[in-house]
Amino acid sequence: MFVEVKARDGHDFGDAAEAVTPAKQRKLTQLALQYMTYYHHLDRPCRFDVVSIHFEAGQPVVDVFRNAFDAAT
């Protein structure tokens, strides 16, 4: 499993999860493939989760998106 964590202090630039764009997904997928190739884990399944953190009244609000995107992206 691979996890991308994004945090935002406000919503001026959108939700934190929105920062995981298709281009970012492609880059993460390429890095995961390199990692799995290096460690000989190509026969194992993998999943990409995104953790989004934003703050409301100074308190963190955490959202977890399991299997957020397909590795074929």
N, C-alpha and C. Protein backbone atom coordinates (compact mmCIF):
# COMPACT_ATOMS: atom_id res chain seq x y z
N MET A 1 0.85 -1.17 0.00
CA MET A 1 0.00 0.00 0.00
C MET A 1 0.89 1.23 0.00
N PHE A 2 0.47 2.21 -0.77
CA PHE A 2 1.16 3.49 -0.83
C PHE A 2 0.17 4.56 -0.39
N VAL A 3 0.66 5.53 0.37
CA VAL A 3 -0.22 6.56 0.92
C VAL A 3 0.34 7.93 0.60
N GLU A 4 -0.50 8.78 0.06
CA GLU A 4 -0.15 10.19 -0.18
C GLU A 4 -0.93 11.01 0.84
N VAL A 5 -0.22 11.84 1.59
CA VAL A 5 -0.84 12.66 2.62
C VAL A 5 -0.76 14.12 2.18
N LYS A 6 -1.89 14.78 2.19
CA LYS A 6 -1.95 16.20 1.83
C LYS A 6 -2.66 16.96 2.95
N ALA A 7 -2.14 18.13 3.28
CA ALA A 7 -2.74 18.95 4.34
C ALA A 7 -2.95 20.37 3.84
N ARG A 8 -4.00 20.99 4.33
CA ARG A 8 -4.32 22.38 4.01
C ARG A 8 -4.76 23.08 5.29
N ASP A 9 -4.35 24.33 5.42
CA ASP A 9 -4.74 25.13 6.58
C ASP A 9 -6.06 25.85 6.33
N GLY A 10 -6.51 25.88 5.10
CA GLY A 10 -7.77 26.51 4.74
C GLY A 10 -8.25 25.96 3.42
N HIS A 11 -9.33 26.51 2.93
CA HIS A 11 -9.89 26.03 1.66
C HIS A 11 -9.65 27.02 0.51
N ASP A 12 -8.76 27.99 0.72
CA ASP A 12 -8.49 28.99 -0.31
C ASP A 12 -8.00 28.36 -1.61
N PHE A 13 -7.27 27.27 -1.50
CA PHE A 13 -6.71 26.61 -2.69
C PHE A 13 -7.37 25.26 -2.94
N GLY A 14 -8.54 25.05 -2.39
CA GLY A 14 -9.27 23.81 -2.58
C GLY A 14 -8.99 22.81 -1.48
N ASP A 15 -9.65 21.69 -1.58
CA ASP A 15 -9.49 20.61 -0.62
C ASP A 15 -8.13 19.96 -0.80
N ALA A 16 -7.57 19.47 0.27
CA ALA A 16 -6.24 18.85 0.21
C ALA A 16 -6.20 17.68 -0.76
N ALA A 17 -7.25 16.87 -0.79
CA ALA A 17 -7.28 15.70 -1.68
C ALA A 17 -7.26 16.11 -3.15
N GLU A 18 -7.76 17.31 -3.45
CA GLU A 18 -7.77 17.78 -4.84
C GLU A 18 -6.37 18.02 -5.37
N ALA A 19 -5.38 18.10 -4.48
CA ALA A 19 -3.99 18.31 -4.90
C ALA A 19 -3.39 17.04 -5.51
N VAL A 20 -4.07 15.92 -5.37
CA VAL A 20 -3.59 14.68 -5.99
C VAL A 20 -4.20 14.60 -7.38
N THR A 21 -3.61 15.35 -8.27
CA THR A 21 -4.08 15.48 -9.64
C THR A 21 -3.73 14.24 -10.46
N PRO A 22 -4.29 14.10 -11.66
CA PRO A 22 -3.88 12.98 -12.52
C PRO A 22 -2.37 12.93 -12.76
N ALA A 23 -1.74 14.08 -12.89
CA ALA A 23 -0.28 14.10 -13.08
C ALA A 23 0.43 13.56 -11.84
N LYS A 24 -0.04 13.94 -10.67
CA LYS A 24 0.55 13.46 -9.42
C LYS A 24 0.32 11.95 -9.29
N GLN A 25 -0.87 11.49 -9.69
CA GLN A 25 -1.17 10.06 -9.66
C GLN A 25 -0.20 9.28 -10.55
N ARG A 26 0.06 9.81 -11.74
CA ARG A 26 1.00 9.14 -12.64
C ARG A 26 2.39 9.07 -12.03
N LYS A 27 2.83 10.16 -11.42
CA LYS A 27 4.15 10.18 -10.79
C LYS A 27 4.22 9.19 -9.64
N LEU A 28 3.20 9.15 -8.81
CA LEU A 28 3.17 8.20 -7.70
C LEU A 28 3.17 6.76 -8.20
N THR A 29 2.42 6.51 -9.26
CA THR A 29 2.37 5.17 -9.84
C THR A 29 3.75 4.76 -10.36
N GLN A 30 4.44 5.68 -11.04
CA GLN A 30 5.78 5.39 -11.55
C GLN A 30 6.76 5.10 -10.40
N LEU A 31 6.68 5.90 -9.35
CA LEU A 31 7.57 5.69 -8.20
C LEU A 31 7.27 4.35 -7.52
N ALA A 32 6.00 4.02 -7.40
CA ALA A 32 5.62 2.74 -6.79
C ALA A 32 6.14 1.57 -7.63
N LEU A 33 6.04 1.70 -8.94
CA LEU A 33 6.54 0.64 -9.82
C LEU A 33 8.05 0.48 -9.67
N GLN A 34 8.76 1.59 -9.59
CA GLN A 34 10.21 1.52 -9.38
C GLN A 34 10.53 0.84 -8.05
N TYR A 35 9.82 1.21 -7.01
CA TYR A 35 10.03 0.61 -5.69
C TYR A 35 9.76 -0.89 -5.72
N MET A 36 8.61 -1.27 -6.30
CA MET A 36 8.23 -2.68 -6.34
C MET A 36 9.18 -3.50 -7.21
N THR A 37 9.69 -2.90 -8.27
CA THR A 37 10.67 -3.58 -9.11
C THR A 37 11.98 -3.79 -8.36
N TYR A 38 12.45 -2.75 -7.70
CA TYR A 38 13.71 -2.82 -6.96
C TYR A 38 13.67 -3.89 -5.87
N TYR A 39 12.53 -3.97 -5.16
CA TYR A 39 12.41 -4.92 -4.06
C TYR A 39 11.74 -6.24 -4.48
N HIS A 40 11.60 -6.46 -5.78
CA HIS A 40 11.06 -7.72 -6.32
C HIS A 40 9.67 -8.04 -5.77
N HIS A 41 8.80 -7.04 -5.76
CA HIS A 41 7.43 -7.21 -5.26
C HIS A 41 6.39 -7.08 -6.37
N LEU A 42 6.79 -7.28 -7.60
CA LEU A 42 5.84 -7.10 -8.71
C LEU A 42 4.70 -8.11 -8.69
N ASP A 43 4.88 -9.20 -7.96
CA ASP A 43 3.83 -10.21 -7.89
C ASP A 43 2.81 -9.91 -6.79
N ARG A 44 2.97 -8.80 -6.09
CA ARG A 44 2.09 -8.45 -4.99
C ARG A 44 1.13 -7.33 -5.40
N PRO A 45 -0.08 -7.37 -4.88
CA PRO A 45 -1.02 -6.29 -5.20
C PRO A 45 -0.60 -5.00 -4.48
N CYS A 46 -1.00 -3.88 -5.02
CA CYS A 46 -0.75 -2.63 -4.32
C CYS A 46 -1.99 -1.75 -4.41
N ARG A 47 -2.06 -0.82 -3.50
CA ARG A 47 -3.20 0.08 -3.43
C ARG A 47 -2.66 1.48 -3.14
N PHE A 48 -3.37 2.48 -3.63
CA PHE A 48 -2.99 3.87 -3.41
C PHE A 48 -4.09 4.55 -2.59
N ASP A 49 -3.74 4.95 -1.38
CA ASP A 49 -4.67 5.68 -0.53
C ASP A 49 -4.24 7.14 -0.47
N VAL A 50 -5.21 8.00 -0.22
CA VAL A 50 -4.94 9.43 -0.02
C VAL A 50 -5.51 9.83 1.33
N VAL A 51 -4.68 10.51 2.12
CA VAL A 51 -5.13 11.05 3.40
C VAL A 51 -5.15 12.56 3.25
N SER A 52 -6.32 13.14 3.51
CA SER A 52 -6.52 14.57 3.39
C SER A 52 -6.72 15.15 4.79
N ILE A 53 -5.95 16.17 5.12
CA ILE A 53 -6.05 16.81 6.43
C ILE A 53 -6.33 18.29 6.22
N HIS A 54 -7.39 18.77 6.83
CA HIS A 54 -7.63 20.21 6.85
C HIS A 54 -8.01 20.60 8.27
N PHE A 55 -7.93 21.87 8.55
CA PHE A 55 -8.15 22.33 9.92
C PHE A 55 -9.42 23.15 10.01
N GLU A 56 -10.23 22.84 11.01
CA GLU A 56 -11.45 23.58 11.30
C GLU A 56 -11.36 24.04 12.75
N ALA A 57 -11.40 25.33 12.95
CA ALA A 57 -11.27 25.92 14.30
C ALA A 57 -10.01 25.41 15.00
N GLY A 58 -8.94 25.27 14.23
CA GLY A 58 -7.67 24.85 14.79
C GLY A 58 -7.53 23.37 15.03
N GLN A 59 -8.57 22.59 14.73
CA GLN A 59 -8.54 21.15 14.94
C GLN A 59 -8.41 20.42 13.61
N PRO A 60 -7.56 19.40 13.55
CA PRO A 60 -7.42 18.66 12.29
C PRO A 60 -8.64 17.79 12.01
N VAL A 61 -9.04 17.80 10.75
CA VAL A 61 -10.10 16.91 10.26
C VAL A 61 -9.44 16.02 9.21
N VAL A 62 -9.48 14.73 9.44
CA VAL A 62 -8.77 13.78 8.60
C VAL A 62 -9.78 12.94 7.81
N ASP A 63 -9.58 12.89 6.49
CA ASP A 63 -10.37 12.02 5.61
C ASP A 63 -9.41 11.05 4.95
N VAL A 64 -9.79 9.78 4.93
CA VAL A 64 -8.98 8.75 4.30
C VAL A 64 -9.75 8.20 3.11
N PHE A 65 -9.11 8.24 1.93
CA PHE A 65 -9.69 7.72 0.70
C PHE A 65 -8.94 6.46 0.33
N ARG A 66 -9.53 5.31 0.66
CA ARG A 66 -8.91 4.02 0.35
C ARG A 66 -9.05 3.74 -1.14
N ASN A 67 -7.98 3.17 -1.69
CA ASN A 67 -7.99 2.82 -3.12
C ASN A 67 -8.42 4.03 -3.96
N ALA A 68 -7.74 5.15 -3.70
CA ALA A 68 -8.14 6.45 -4.26
C ALA A 68 -8.00 6.53 -5.77
N PHE A 69 -7.07 5.79 -6.34
CA PHE A 69 -6.94 5.80 -7.79
C PHE A 69 -6.34 4.49 -8.25
N ASP A 70 -6.62 4.20 -9.50
CA ASP A 70 -6.16 2.96 -10.12
C ASP A 70 -4.74 3.14 -10.61
N ALA A 71 -3.91 2.14 -10.42
CA ALA A 71 -2.51 2.20 -10.84
C ALA A 71 -2.37 2.36 -12.35
N ALA A 72 -3.42 2.09 -13.11
CA ALA A 72 -3.35 2.23 -14.56
C ALA A 72 -3.53 3.68 -15.00
N THR A 73 -3.76 4.59 -14.06
CA THR A 73 -3.98 6.00 -14.39
C THR A 73 -2.76 6.61 -15.03
